[in-house]
Amino acid sequence: MPDETTFVAGDQTGKMIAIRITEQATVRRLSFNPELALGEAFMDGTLIMDQGNIYDFLELIFQNTDVSQLTGIPKLVRTCFGLFNWMTGYNSITKSRSNVAHHYDLSGDLYRLFLDSDSQYSCGYFETDTSPLEEAQLAKKRHLAAKMVMAEGQRVLDIGSGWGGMGLYLARHFGARVDGVTLSEEQHAVSNARVETEGLEGQVQFLLRDYRAVKTQYDRIVSVGMFEHVGKKSYDEFFGKVKNLLTDDGVMMLHYIGQSGPPSHTNPWILKYIFPGGYMPALSEVLPVIERHGLCLTDLEVLRLHYAETLRHWRLNFMARRDEAVALYDERFARMWEFYLACSESGFRHQGLVIHQIQIAKRQDAVPLTRKYIEKAEQDLRAAEDARNAPFTGTPVQSACEATAP
């Protein structure tokens, strides 16, 4: 403690973790609002890890406590914050654009420190316990594409298209005509540059546009890691728009961070510093809205520890190149990012955060009767990926002009 008083907790059988608090003001803030103050104290350097790292400390906390156990003033602060968060939970187009810029328009060099080569900034799909990050992110795209019941040349809308990886995957393997929409200027520029590099102009385009401004109907819609930014009060608007944009036999795949327990508001530190306007819903908040709009829930899968593993890879990648993050921004920013990755990973391991993958259609018969088609499609896609990436060993195929040239 700031006055050099020492406290010891636990039965001494676990991993030893030692923290040092350097200012009395930090002790007061932690006593009143620990959900916000802990991350701020680590960022500001007034809470220092003397033994173990911040992930070790957060894992210890999340394994042994829950915010529902708060009492006294911290409980009152949490209740008031939850009420305020509910009252301000609508994300207008202007607010959404500002929220996205806060996080996604950071330097692309920052994300390259820890993401895979395709810049997949969402949960991977770990087919084995030892799958590397690259394989897990490719498997995620394959898994979603298989569930979309794709046919050659379909029109696809990617809502929240990121750096373009999902849309480009569908274009490569299905000849899909893809429109992606994003509110991030950084992602918009990068994804369209990738379209040019792959020679897919006229087939794939990424637009700097809110999903609410889209007018065209699509055979397939996919949205990965975007629904968390819609805002709790905007769910009716979102699913109403989805219904209007889907063709009668259309299918949508929605992949987002949710909660396995009852609804609970987003951590205030995450809202302030990482994802303003973000909310991770329980199924009880999403499914009634889908029903209300007359859409059919045709498949639901819960990915439990997949995001914890994804974040573990990201955290270790980031820590291995942390000095570069400091050079890009500063030490306080690097501590903020370290805390963000650590608390997110431990949250998925111990606090009930999960991924919901929801398949939605207008008609009950839009997808096959059993889930066998998913595994079959994944097998076909895996073979196509292998063929695409296989080294060339034969004779170059001549074009028609070359074959008939004198």
Protein backbone atom coordinates (compact mmCIF):
# COMPACT_ATOMS: atom_id res chain seq x y z
CA MET A 1 0.00 0.00 0.00
CA PRO A 2 1.14 3.65 -0.32
CA ASP A 3 1.99 3.73 3.41
CA GLU A 4 4.01 0.50 3.00
CA THR A 5 1.39 -1.57 4.83
CA THR A 6 1.31 -5.12 3.41
CA PHE A 7 -1.70 -7.39 3.07
CA VAL A 8 -1.59 -11.09 2.21
CA ALA A 9 -4.64 -12.99 0.93
CA GLY A 10 -5.25 -16.65 0.08
CA ASP A 11 -4.11 -19.97 1.49
CA GLN A 12 -0.59 -19.73 -0.02
CA THR A 13 -1.12 -22.75 -2.30
CA GLY A 14 -1.62 -20.86 -5.57
CA LYS A 15 0.71 -18.82 -7.75
CA MET A 16 2.19 -15.90 -5.82
CA ILE A 17 1.10 -12.53 -7.22
CA ALA A 18 2.30 -9.26 -5.70
CA ILE A 19 0.93 -5.81 -6.49
CA ARG A 20 2.02 -2.40 -5.26
CA ILE A 21 -0.24 0.66 -5.07
CA THR A 22 1.72 3.90 -5.05
CA GLU A 23 -0.94 6.55 -4.34
CA GLN A 24 -3.66 6.86 -1.74
CA ALA A 25 -5.96 8.35 -4.39
CA THR A 26 -5.80 5.04 -6.25
CA VAL A 27 -6.87 3.19 -3.09
CA ARG A 28 -9.91 5.47 -2.81
CA ARG A 29 -10.86 5.04 -6.46
CA LEU A 30 -10.54 1.27 -6.20
CA SER A 31 -12.78 1.32 -3.12
CA PHE A 32 -15.52 3.31 -4.86
CA ASN A 33 -15.47 2.01 -8.45
CA PRO A 34 -13.13 -0.98 -8.90
CA GLU A 35 -14.50 -1.89 -12.35
CA LEU A 36 -13.18 1.36 -13.78
CA ALA A 37 -10.35 2.21 -11.41
CA LEU A 38 -8.34 -1.01 -11.70
CA GLY A 39 -7.61 -0.58 -15.40
CA GLU A 40 -6.94 3.14 -14.99
CA ALA A 41 -4.51 2.50 -12.14
CA PHE A 42 -2.58 -0.01 -14.24
CA MET A 43 -2.51 2.39 -17.20
CA ASP A 44 -1.33 5.28 -15.02
CA GLY A 45 1.36 3.22 -13.31
CA THR A 46 -0.09 3.66 -9.82
CA LEU A 47 -0.81 -0.09 -9.61
CA ILE A 48 2.40 -2.00 -10.30
CA MET A 49 2.90 -5.72 -10.72
CA ASP A 50 5.88 -6.69 -8.54
CA GLN A 51 5.35 -10.43 -9.02
CA GLY A 52 3.36 -12.03 -11.82
CA ASN A 53 1.78 -10.02 -14.63
CA ILE A 54 -1.55 -8.26 -15.06
CA TYR A 55 -3.11 -11.34 -16.69
CA ASP A 56 -2.19 -13.44 -13.64
CA PHE A 57 -3.82 -10.88 -11.36
CA LEU A 58 -7.00 -10.54 -13.43
CA GLU A 59 -7.35 -14.31 -13.74
CA LEU A 60 -7.10 -14.62 -9.97
CA ILE A 61 -9.82 -11.99 -9.53
CA PHE A 62 -12.15 -13.43 -12.16
CA GLN A 63 -11.78 -16.99 -10.89
CA ASN A 64 -12.77 -15.99 -7.36
CA THR A 65 -15.17 -13.06 -7.65
CA ASP A 66 -18.04 -11.73 -9.72
CA VAL A 67 -19.31 -8.18 -10.14
CA SER A 68 -22.70 -9.33 -8.87
CA GLN A 69 -21.02 -9.76 -5.46
CA LEU A 70 -20.19 -6.06 -5.12
CA THR A 71 -21.68 -4.40 -2.05
CA GLY A 72 -21.90 -0.90 -0.59
CA ILE A 73 -20.81 2.08 -2.68
CA PRO A 74 -19.32 -0.02 -5.54
CA LYS A 75 -22.69 -1.76 -5.95
CA LEU A 76 -24.49 1.61 -6.01
CA VAL A 77 -22.03 2.97 -8.58
CA ARG A 78 -22.52 -0.11 -10.74
CA THR A 79 -26.32 0.18 -10.54
CA CYS A 80 -26.26 3.87 -11.50
CA PHE A 81 -23.85 3.21 -14.36
CA GLY A 82 -26.06 0.40 -15.65
CA LEU A 83 -29.09 2.71 -15.65
CA PHE A 84 -27.17 5.44 -17.47
CA ASN A 85 -25.87 2.91 -19.98
CA TRP A 86 -29.40 1.69 -20.68
CA MET A 87 -30.74 5.23 -21.16
CA THR A 88 -27.99 6.11 -23.65
CA GLY A 89 -27.86 2.75 -25.44
CA TYR A 90 -28.95 3.88 -28.91
CA ASN A 91 -26.12 4.21 -31.43
CA SER A 92 -27.10 6.64 -34.18
CA ILE A 93 -25.17 6.66 -37.47
CA THR A 94 -23.09 9.62 -36.27
CA LYS A 95 -22.42 8.05 -32.89
CA SER A 96 -21.59 4.70 -34.49
CA ARG A 97 -19.07 6.34 -36.81
CA SER A 98 -17.40 8.06 -33.85
CA ASN A 99 -17.34 4.83 -31.81
CA VAL A 100 -15.76 2.89 -34.67
CA ALA A 101 -13.12 5.55 -35.32
CA HIS A 102 -12.10 5.45 -31.64
CA HIS A 103 -10.90 1.85 -31.96
CA TYR A 104 -10.62 0.75 -35.57
CA ASP A 105 -8.93 3.83 -37.00
CA LEU A 106 -5.85 3.35 -34.87
CA SER A 107 -2.66 2.71 -36.81
CA GLY A 108 -2.78 -0.45 -38.87
CA ASP A 109 0.76 -1.11 -37.65
CA LEU A 110 -0.66 -1.68 -34.16
CA TYR A 111 -2.97 -4.48 -35.31
CA ARG A 112 -0.20 -6.08 -37.34
CA LEU A 113 1.70 -6.58 -34.08
CA PHE A 114 -0.67 -9.30 -32.90
CA LEU A 115 -3.23 -10.37 -35.53
CA ASP A 116 -2.85 -13.16 -38.09
CA SER A 117 -1.73 -12.45 -41.65
CA ASP A 118 -5.35 -11.91 -42.81
CA SER A 119 -6.00 -9.35 -40.03
CA GLN A 120 -8.94 -11.29 -38.62
CA TYR A 121 -9.96 -9.21 -35.59
CA SER A 122 -12.57 -11.64 -34.27
CA CYS A 123 -12.77 -15.04 -32.63
CA GLY A 124 -10.93 -17.89 -34.32
CA TYR A 125 -12.30 -21.43 -34.56
CA PHE A 126 -9.88 -23.88 -32.94
CA GLU A 127 -10.47 -27.31 -34.45
CA THR A 128 -7.80 -28.76 -32.13
CA ASP A 129 -6.28 -27.68 -28.83
CA THR A 130 -2.97 -27.04 -30.55
CA SER A 131 -4.18 -25.19 -33.67
CA PRO A 132 -2.04 -22.13 -34.41
CA LEU A 133 -3.75 -18.77 -34.79
CA GLU A 134 -3.45 -18.76 -38.60
CA GLU A 135 -5.26 -22.08 -38.89
CA ALA A 136 -7.95 -21.08 -36.39
CA GLN A 137 -8.78 -17.89 -38.27
CA LEU A 138 -8.92 -19.70 -41.59
CA ALA A 139 -11.14 -22.35 -39.98
CA LYS A 140 -13.46 -19.59 -38.70
CA LYS A 141 -14.00 -18.26 -42.23
CA ARG A 142 -14.50 -21.81 -43.52
CA HIS A 143 -16.99 -22.62 -40.74
CA LEU A 144 -19.07 -19.51 -41.38
CA ALA A 145 -19.00 -19.98 -45.16
CA ALA A 146 -20.18 -23.58 -44.74
CA LYS A 147 -23.11 -22.43 -42.63
CA MET A 148 -24.06 -19.82 -45.23
CA VAL A 149 -25.04 -22.60 -47.69
CA MET A 150 -23.30 -20.75 -50.49
CA ALA A 151 -23.95 -21.26 -54.19
CA GLU A 152 -21.78 -20.01 -57.03
CA GLY A 153 -22.09 -16.33 -57.93
CA GLN A 154 -24.47 -15.24 -55.17
CA ARG A 155 -24.73 -11.65 -53.98
CA VAL A 156 -23.32 -11.27 -50.48
CA LEU A 157 -23.40 -8.39 -48.00
CA ASP A 158 -20.71 -8.30 -45.30
CA ILE A 159 -21.86 -6.01 -42.48
CA GLY A 160 -18.81 -4.76 -40.60
CA SER A 161 -16.36 -6.02 -43.20
CA GLY A 162 -13.16 -5.20 -41.31
CA TRP A 163 -9.97 -5.53 -43.35
CA GLY A 164 -11.83 -7.55 -45.98
CA GLY A 165 -10.76 -11.11 -45.19
CA MET A 166 -14.22 -12.71 -44.98
CA GLY A 167 -15.57 -11.06 -48.13
CA LEU A 168 -12.47 -11.93 -50.12
CA TYR A 169 -12.68 -15.55 -48.94
CA LEU A 170 -16.26 -15.84 -50.25
CA ALA A 171 -15.28 -14.22 -53.54
CA ARG A 172 -12.33 -16.58 -54.05
CA HIS A 173 -14.13 -19.83 -53.28
CA PHE A 174 -17.67 -19.17 -54.53
CA GLY A 175 -17.29 -16.44 -57.13
CA ALA A 176 -19.52 -14.36 -54.85
CA ARG A 177 -20.27 -10.75 -55.69
CA VAL A 178 -19.51 -9.11 -52.38
CA ASP A 179 -20.41 -5.72 -50.96
CA GLY A 180 -18.81 -4.97 -47.62
CA VAL A 181 -19.73 -2.03 -45.41
CA THR A 182 -17.60 -0.51 -42.68
CA LEU A 183 -17.45 2.79 -40.81
CA SER A 184 -13.67 2.64 -40.37
CA GLU A 185 -11.72 4.75 -42.85
CA GLU A 186 -8.58 2.74 -42.12
CA GLN A 187 -10.28 -0.60 -42.82
CA HIS A 188 -12.05 0.80 -45.87
CA ALA A 189 -8.76 1.85 -47.46
CA VAL A 190 -6.94 -1.39 -46.66
CA SER A 191 -9.75 -3.73 -47.79
CA ASN A 192 -10.16 -2.00 -51.16
CA ALA A 193 -6.41 -2.07 -51.72
CA ARG A 194 -6.61 -5.84 -51.20
CA VAL A 195 -9.37 -6.05 -53.83
CA GLU A 196 -7.06 -4.39 -56.35
CA THR A 197 -4.14 -6.61 -55.39
CA GLU A 198 -6.23 -9.75 -55.98
CA GLY A 199 -7.71 -8.41 -59.21
CA LEU A 200 -11.28 -8.64 -57.95
CA GLU A 201 -12.49 -5.18 -59.02
CA GLY A 202 -16.07 -5.40 -60.27
CA GLN A 203 -16.70 -8.46 -58.11
CA VAL A 204 -15.89 -7.16 -54.61
CA GLN A 205 -16.26 -3.67 -53.20
CA PHE A 206 -15.98 -2.31 -49.68
CA LEU A 207 -18.01 0.80 -48.93
CA LEU A 208 -17.61 3.42 -46.23
CA ARG A 209 -21.26 3.17 -45.26
CA ASP A 210 -23.58 2.38 -42.34
CA TYR A 211 -25.57 -0.82 -42.80
CA ARG A 212 -28.75 1.21 -42.36
CA ALA A 213 -28.01 3.05 -45.62
CA VAL A 214 -27.85 -0.16 -47.71
CA LYS A 215 -30.79 -0.60 -50.11
CA THR A 216 -29.99 -3.64 -52.30
CA GLN A 217 -31.25 -7.14 -51.53
CA TYR A 218 -28.77 -9.99 -51.09
CA ASP A 219 -28.81 -13.78 -51.27
CA ARG A 220 -26.51 -14.02 -48.26
CA ILE A 221 -25.55 -11.70 -45.41
CA VAL A 222 -22.68 -12.25 -43.01
CA SER A 223 -21.70 -10.15 -40.02
CA VAL A 224 -18.70 -11.03 -37.88
CA GLY A 225 -17.85 -9.09 -34.72
CA MET A 226 -20.03 -6.10 -35.59
CA PHE A 227 -23.27 -6.76 -33.67
CA GLU A 228 -21.52 -5.87 -30.39
CA HIS A 229 -21.40 -2.27 -31.69
CA VAL A 230 -25.06 -2.01 -32.72
CA GLY A 231 -26.29 -0.91 -29.30
CA LYS A 232 -28.96 -2.54 -27.17
CA LYS A 233 -31.68 -0.11 -28.23
CA SER A 234 -30.95 -0.69 -31.91
CA TYR A 235 -31.73 -4.41 -32.19
CA ASP A 236 -35.18 -3.88 -33.71
CA GLU A 237 -33.66 -1.55 -36.26
CA PHE A 238 -30.91 -4.05 -37.07
CA PHE A 239 -33.09 -7.12 -37.59
CA GLY A 240 -35.74 -5.10 -39.40
CA LYS A 241 -33.05 -4.03 -41.85
CA VAL A 242 -31.76 -7.60 -42.19
CA LYS A 243 -35.27 -8.77 -43.10
CA ASN A 244 -35.55 -6.10 -45.79
CA LEU A 245 -32.12 -6.85 -47.25
CA LEU A 246 -32.49 -10.65 -47.48
CA THR A 247 -34.06 -12.23 -50.53
CA ASP A 248 -36.96 -14.58 -49.81
CA ASP A 249 -34.68 -17.63 -49.82
CA GLY A 250 -31.75 -15.74 -48.29
CA VAL A 251 -29.60 -16.79 -45.32
CA MET A 252 -27.68 -14.72 -42.79
CA MET A 253 -24.83 -15.72 -40.47
CA LEU A 254 -24.43 -13.53 -37.40
CA HIS A 255 -21.30 -14.00 -35.27
CA TYR A 256 -20.88 -11.85 -32.15
CA ILE A 257 -19.71 -11.77 -28.53
CA GLY A 258 -22.51 -12.62 -26.13
CA GLN A 259 -23.09 -13.67 -22.55
CA SER A 260 -23.92 -17.14 -21.33
CA GLY A 261 -25.77 -15.81 -18.29
CA PRO A 262 -28.38 -13.10 -17.76
CA PRO A 263 -27.92 -9.62 -19.27
CA SER A 264 -25.18 -7.47 -17.77
CA HIS A 265 -23.82 -4.12 -18.93
CA THR A 266 -20.37 -3.73 -20.44
CA ASN A 267 -17.45 -3.10 -18.14
CA PRO A 268 -17.06 0.70 -17.75
CA TRP A 269 -13.30 0.62 -18.40
CA ILE A 270 -13.86 -1.21 -21.72
CA LEU A 271 -16.56 1.31 -22.68
CA LYS A 272 -14.40 4.32 -21.85
CA TYR A 273 -11.09 3.25 -23.35
CA ILE A 274 -11.66 0.43 -25.85
CA PHE A 275 -15.18 0.02 -27.28
CA PRO A 276 -17.42 3.04 -26.64
CA GLY A 277 -21.02 2.11 -27.31
CA GLY A 278 -20.26 -1.61 -27.11
CA TYR A 279 -22.64 -4.16 -25.64
CA MET A 280 -22.50 -7.97 -25.47
CA PRO A 281 -26.04 -9.34 -25.29
CA ALA A 282 -27.48 -12.45 -23.74
CA LEU A 283 -29.52 -14.70 -26.02
CA SER A 284 -32.62 -13.65 -24.10
CA GLU A 285 -32.13 -10.14 -25.54
CA VAL A 286 -31.55 -11.22 -29.14
CA LEU A 287 -33.87 -14.13 -29.90
CA PRO A 288 -37.14 -12.30 -29.05
CA VAL A 289 -36.22 -9.55 -31.54
CA ILE A 290 -35.53 -12.10 -34.27
CA GLU A 291 -38.92 -13.68 -33.56
CA ARG A 292 -40.65 -10.30 -33.49
CA HIS A 293 -39.51 -9.57 -37.05
CA GLY A 294 -40.79 -12.88 -38.38
CA LEU A 295 -37.33 -14.26 -39.10
CA CYS A 296 -36.53 -17.95 -38.64
CA LEU A 297 -33.76 -19.09 -36.33
CA THR A 298 -32.39 -22.02 -38.35
CA ASP A 299 -29.18 -22.78 -36.43
CA LEU A 300 -27.49 -21.67 -33.23
CA GLU A 301 -23.97 -22.55 -32.04
CA VAL A 302 -22.16 -21.32 -28.94
CA LEU A 303 -18.36 -21.13 -29.13
CA ARG A 304 -17.19 -21.14 -25.52
CA LEU A 305 -13.41 -21.00 -25.06
CA HIS A 306 -12.47 -20.29 -28.67
CA TYR A 307 -12.17 -16.55 -28.03
CA ALA A 308 -10.14 -17.11 -24.88
CA GLU A 309 -7.63 -19.03 -26.99
CA THR A 310 -7.71 -16.36 -29.71
CA LEU A 311 -7.00 -13.66 -27.14
CA ARG A 312 -4.21 -15.73 -25.62
CA HIS A 313 -2.48 -15.75 -28.99
CA TRP A 314 -3.08 -12.03 -29.45
CA ARG A 315 -1.81 -11.22 -25.96
CA LEU A 316 1.37 -13.25 -26.34
CA ASN A 317 1.98 -11.78 -29.81
CA PHE A 318 1.47 -8.27 -28.47
CA MET A 319 3.73 -8.77 -25.47
CA ALA A 320 6.48 -10.14 -27.72
CA ARG A 321 6.38 -6.88 -29.71
CA ARG A 322 5.29 -4.51 -26.96
CA ASP A 323 8.23 -2.17 -27.53
CA GLU A 324 6.91 -1.49 -31.02
CA ALA A 325 3.54 -0.47 -29.57
CA VAL A 326 5.31 1.95 -27.24
CA ALA A 327 7.17 3.40 -30.24
CA LEU A 328 3.87 3.78 -32.15
CA TYR A 329 2.09 5.49 -29.25
CA ASP A 330 3.54 5.61 -25.73
CA GLU A 331 3.99 3.53 -22.57
CA ARG A 332 0.54 4.38 -21.18
CA PHE A 333 -1.11 3.22 -24.41
CA ALA A 334 0.85 -0.04 -24.32
CA ARG A 335 -0.29 -0.65 -20.73
CA MET A 336 -3.88 0.08 -21.80
CA TRP A 337 -3.66 -2.47 -24.63
CA GLU A 338 -1.99 -5.01 -22.36
CA PHE A 339 -4.81 -4.63 -19.82
CA TYR A 340 -7.47 -4.86 -22.57
CA LEU A 341 -6.14 -8.14 -23.96
CA ALA A 342 -5.58 -9.61 -20.48
CA CYS A 343 -9.01 -8.72 -19.08
CA SER A 344 -10.75 -9.87 -22.25
CA GLU A 345 -9.04 -13.26 -22.22
CA SER A 346 -9.74 -13.85 -18.54
CA GLY A 347 -13.32 -12.67 -19.06
CA PHE A 348 -13.88 -15.36 -21.69
CA ARG A 349 -12.30 -18.00 -19.48
CA HIS A 350 -14.03 -17.20 -16.21
CA GLN A 351 -16.83 -14.63 -16.57
CA GLY A 352 -19.32 -16.21 -18.98
CA LEU A 353 -18.40 -14.42 -22.22
CA VAL A 354 -18.97 -16.57 -25.32
CA ILE A 355 -19.50 -16.33 -29.07
CA HIS A 356 -22.98 -16.79 -30.50
CA GLN A 357 -23.21 -17.91 -34.13
CA ILE A 358 -26.79 -17.51 -35.29
CA GLN A 359 -28.11 -18.62 -38.67
CA ILE A 360 -31.19 -16.68 -39.78
CA ALA A 361 -33.52 -17.09 -42.75
CA LYS A 362 -36.91 -15.89 -43.95
CA ARG A 363 -38.12 -19.39 -44.74
CA GLN A 364 -37.91 -22.63 -42.80
CA ASP A 365 -36.74 -24.53 -45.90
CA ALA A 366 -33.92 -22.13 -46.81
CA VAL A 367 -31.30 -24.51 -45.35
CA PRO A 368 -31.01 -28.34 -45.34
CA LEU A 369 -32.91 -30.42 -42.80
CA THR A 370 -29.82 -31.62 -40.89
CA ARG A 371 -26.43 -30.10 -40.08
CA LYS A 372 -24.52 -32.64 -42.17
CA TYR A 373 -24.15 -30.07 -44.96
CA ILE A 374 -21.85 -28.00 -42.72
CA GLU A 375 -19.22 -30.70 -42.38
CA LYS A 376 -19.47 -31.57 -46.09
CA ALA A 377 -19.01 -27.93 -47.11
CA GLU A 378 -16.04 -27.57 -44.76
CA GLN A 379 -14.39 -30.62 -46.30
CA ASP A 380 -14.89 -29.21 -49.81
CA LEU A 381 -13.54 -25.81 -48.78
CA ARG A 382 -10.53 -27.35 -47.08
CA ALA A 383 -9.69 -29.20 -50.27
CA ALA A 384 -10.12 -26.00 -52.29
CA GLU A 385 -7.83 -24.12 -49.90
CA ASP A 386 -5.19 -26.83 -50.17
CA ALA A 387 -5.38 -26.78 -53.96
CA ARG A 388 -5.12 -22.99 -54.04
CA ASN A 389 -2.05 -22.98 -51.78
CA ALA A 390 -0.31 -26.03 -53.26
CA PRO A 391 3.07 -25.36 -54.90
CA PHE A 392 3.02 -25.49 -58.71
CA THR A 393 4.69 -28.61 -60.08
CA GLY A 394 3.39 -29.00 -63.64
CA THR A 395 3.58 -27.32 -67.01
CA PRO A 396 2.02 -23.85 -67.27
CA VAL A 397 -1.41 -23.92 -68.86
CA GLN A 398 -1.44 -21.98 -72.10
CA SER A 399 -4.13 -19.46 -72.86
CA ALA A 400 -6.17 -19.95 -76.02
CA CYS A 401 -4.22 -17.18 -77.75
CA GLU A 402 -0.88 -18.73 -76.81
CA ALA A 403 -1.99 -22.18 -77.96
CA THR A 404 -2.91 -20.96 -81.46
CA ALA A 405 -0.15 -18.41 -81.94
CA PRO A 406 2.09 -19.09 -84.97
